[in-house]
N, C-alpha and C. Protein backbone atom coordinates (compact mmCIF):
# COMPACT_ATOMS: atom_id res chain seq x y z
N MET A 1 195.88 72.56 -35.46
CA MET A 1 195.03 72.02 -34.42
C MET A 1 195.77 71.95 -33.09
N LEU A 2 197.03 71.58 -33.16
CA LEU A 2 197.85 71.54 -31.94
C LEU A 2 198.00 72.95 -31.37
N LYS A 3 198.06 73.92 -32.26
CA LYS A 3 198.16 75.32 -31.84
C LYS A 3 196.96 75.72 -30.98
N TYR A 4 195.77 75.34 -31.43
CA TYR A 4 194.56 75.68 -30.69
C TYR A 4 194.48 74.91 -29.37
N ALA A 5 194.97 73.68 -29.36
CA ALA A 5 194.99 72.91 -28.12
C ALA A 5 195.89 73.59 -27.08
N ILE A 6 197.03 74.09 -27.53
CA ILE A 6 197.94 74.79 -26.62
C ILE A 6 197.32 76.10 -26.13
N ILE A 7 196.65 76.81 -27.03
CA ILE A 7 196.00 78.07 -26.64
C ILE A 7 194.93 77.82 -25.58
N PHE A 8 194.10 76.79 -25.79
CA PHE A 8 193.06 76.49 -24.81
C PHE A 8 193.66 76.00 -23.49
N ALA A 9 194.79 75.29 -23.54
CA ALA A 9 195.44 74.86 -22.30
C ALA A 9 195.97 76.07 -21.52
N ILE A 10 196.52 77.05 -22.22
CA ILE A 10 197.01 78.26 -21.56
C ILE A 10 195.85 79.05 -20.98
N ILE A 11 194.74 79.15 -21.73
CA ILE A 11 193.55 79.84 -21.20
C ILE A 11 193.06 79.14 -19.94
N SER A 12 193.09 77.81 -19.96
CA SER A 12 192.65 77.04 -18.80
C SER A 12 193.54 77.30 -17.58
N LEU A 13 194.85 77.35 -17.80
CA LEU A 13 195.77 77.62 -16.70
C LEU A 13 195.56 79.02 -16.11
N ILE A 14 195.40 80.00 -16.98
CA ILE A 14 195.20 81.37 -16.50
C ILE A 14 193.86 81.50 -15.77
N ALA A 15 192.81 80.91 -16.34
CA ALA A 15 191.49 80.99 -15.69
C ALA A 15 191.50 80.27 -14.35
N GLY A 16 192.19 79.14 -14.28
CA GLY A 16 192.29 78.43 -13.01
C GLY A 16 193.05 79.21 -11.96
N ALA A 17 194.09 79.90 -12.39
CA ALA A 17 194.88 80.71 -11.45
C ALA A 17 194.08 81.91 -10.93
N LEU A 18 193.18 82.41 -11.76
CA LEU A 18 192.37 83.56 -11.36
C LEU A 18 191.09 83.16 -10.64
N GLY A 19 190.82 81.86 -10.53
CA GLY A 19 189.66 81.39 -9.79
C GLY A 19 188.42 81.12 -10.62
N PHE A 20 188.51 81.21 -11.91
CA PHE A 20 187.36 80.92 -12.77
C PHE A 20 187.35 79.43 -13.10
N THR A 21 186.85 78.63 -12.16
CA THR A 21 186.96 77.17 -12.31
C THR A 21 186.11 76.62 -13.44
N GLY A 22 184.95 77.21 -13.68
CA GLY A 22 184.09 76.73 -14.76
C GLY A 22 184.73 76.93 -16.13
N ILE A 23 185.28 78.11 -16.32
CA ILE A 23 185.96 78.40 -17.59
C ILE A 23 187.21 77.54 -17.73
N ALA A 24 187.91 77.33 -16.63
CA ALA A 24 189.13 76.52 -16.66
C ALA A 24 188.79 75.08 -17.04
N ALA A 25 187.73 74.54 -16.48
CA ALA A 25 187.34 73.16 -16.79
C ALA A 25 186.89 73.03 -18.24
N GLY A 26 186.14 74.01 -18.72
CA GLY A 26 185.71 73.98 -20.12
C GLY A 26 186.86 74.08 -21.09
N SER A 27 187.78 74.97 -20.81
CA SER A 27 188.95 75.13 -21.68
C SER A 27 189.83 73.89 -21.66
N ALA A 28 189.96 73.28 -20.49
CA ALA A 28 190.77 72.06 -20.39
C ALA A 28 190.13 70.93 -21.18
N GLY A 29 188.82 70.84 -21.13
CA GLY A 29 188.12 69.81 -21.90
C GLY A 29 188.29 70.00 -23.40
N ILE A 30 188.16 71.23 -23.85
CA ILE A 30 188.35 71.53 -25.27
C ILE A 30 189.79 71.23 -25.69
N ALA A 31 190.75 71.62 -24.86
CA ALA A 31 192.16 71.37 -25.18
C ALA A 31 192.43 69.87 -25.26
N LYS A 32 191.82 69.10 -24.37
CA LYS A 32 192.02 67.65 -24.37
C LYS A 32 191.46 67.02 -25.65
N ILE A 33 190.26 67.45 -26.04
CA ILE A 33 189.64 66.92 -27.26
C ILE A 33 190.48 67.26 -28.48
N LEU A 34 190.91 68.52 -28.58
CA LEU A 34 191.72 68.92 -29.73
C LEU A 34 193.05 68.19 -29.78
N PHE A 35 193.67 67.96 -28.62
CA PHE A 35 194.95 67.27 -28.60
C PHE A 35 194.79 65.82 -29.05
N PHE A 36 193.77 65.12 -28.57
CA PHE A 36 193.60 63.73 -28.98
C PHE A 36 193.16 63.61 -30.43
N LEU A 37 192.42 64.58 -30.93
CA LEU A 37 192.08 64.60 -32.35
C LEU A 37 193.34 64.81 -33.20
N PHE A 38 194.21 65.74 -32.76
CA PHE A 38 195.48 65.95 -33.44
C PHE A 38 196.33 64.68 -33.43
N LEU A 39 196.38 64.00 -32.29
CA LEU A 39 197.16 62.78 -32.16
C LEU A 39 196.64 61.68 -33.07
N ALA A 40 195.32 61.52 -33.14
CA ALA A 40 194.72 60.50 -33.99
C ALA A 40 195.00 60.78 -35.47
N LEU A 41 194.86 62.03 -35.88
CA LEU A 41 195.13 62.37 -37.27
C LEU A 41 196.60 62.21 -37.63
N THR A 42 197.48 62.52 -36.69
CA THR A 42 198.91 62.34 -36.92
C THR A 42 199.24 60.87 -37.13
N VAL A 43 198.71 60.02 -36.26
CA VAL A 43 198.96 58.57 -36.39
C VAL A 43 198.39 58.06 -37.71
N LEU A 44 197.19 58.51 -38.07
CA LEU A 44 196.58 58.09 -39.32
C LEU A 44 197.44 58.47 -40.52
N PHE A 45 197.93 59.71 -40.55
CA PHE A 45 198.73 60.15 -41.68
C PHE A 45 200.09 59.47 -41.73
N VAL A 46 200.65 59.16 -40.58
CA VAL A 46 201.93 58.44 -40.56
C VAL A 46 201.74 57.02 -41.10
N VAL A 47 200.66 56.37 -40.70
CA VAL A 47 200.38 55.02 -41.21
C VAL A 47 200.14 55.06 -42.71
N LEU A 48 199.38 56.02 -43.18
CA LEU A 48 199.14 56.14 -44.62
C LEU A 48 200.42 56.42 -45.38
N ALA A 49 201.30 57.21 -44.81
CA ALA A 49 202.58 57.50 -45.47
C ALA A 49 203.45 56.25 -45.52
N MET A 50 203.40 55.45 -44.44
CA MET A 50 204.19 54.22 -44.42
C MET A 50 203.68 53.22 -45.46
N LEU A 51 202.37 53.21 -45.68
CA LEU A 51 201.79 52.30 -46.66
C LEU A 51 201.97 52.81 -48.09
N GLY A 52 202.30 54.06 -48.24
CA GLY A 52 202.51 54.63 -49.57
C GLY A 52 201.23 55.03 -50.25
N VAL A 53 200.18 55.24 -49.49
CA VAL A 53 198.90 55.63 -50.06
C VAL A 53 198.91 57.14 -50.26
N GLY A 54 198.50 57.58 -51.43
CA GLY A 54 198.42 59.01 -51.64
C GLY A 54 198.80 59.43 -53.03
N ALA A 55 199.00 60.70 -53.20
CA ALA A 55 199.27 61.27 -54.51
C ALA A 55 200.63 60.87 -55.04
N ALA A 56 201.61 60.69 -54.17
CA ALA A 56 202.95 60.34 -54.63
C ALA A 56 202.97 58.96 -55.28
N ARG A 57 202.26 58.02 -54.68
CA ARG A 57 202.21 56.67 -55.24
C ARG A 57 201.47 56.67 -56.56
N LYS A 58 200.37 57.43 -56.64
CA LYS A 58 199.60 57.47 -57.88
C LYS A 58 200.38 58.18 -58.99
N ALA A 59 201.19 59.16 -58.63
CA ALA A 59 201.96 59.89 -59.63
C ALA A 59 203.07 59.02 -60.22
N LEU A 60 203.58 58.10 -59.44
CA LEU A 60 204.66 57.25 -59.92
C LEU A 60 204.17 56.17 -60.88
N ARG A 61 202.89 55.87 -60.86
CA ARG A 61 202.35 54.82 -61.74
C ARG A 61 202.02 55.31 -63.10
């Protein structure tokens, strides 16, 4: 997901440099959404790992 956010950010930069402001704004919006979704999922998985929730905990029981 972070990969796609970076790709859309690069597309936005190139489109902005070439004068395609509509495409640049759309790509920047998509990149922003993907980045924050990636960030939220990362935080969620880190919290779950800290709590020990998951297959590893169930396997140990």
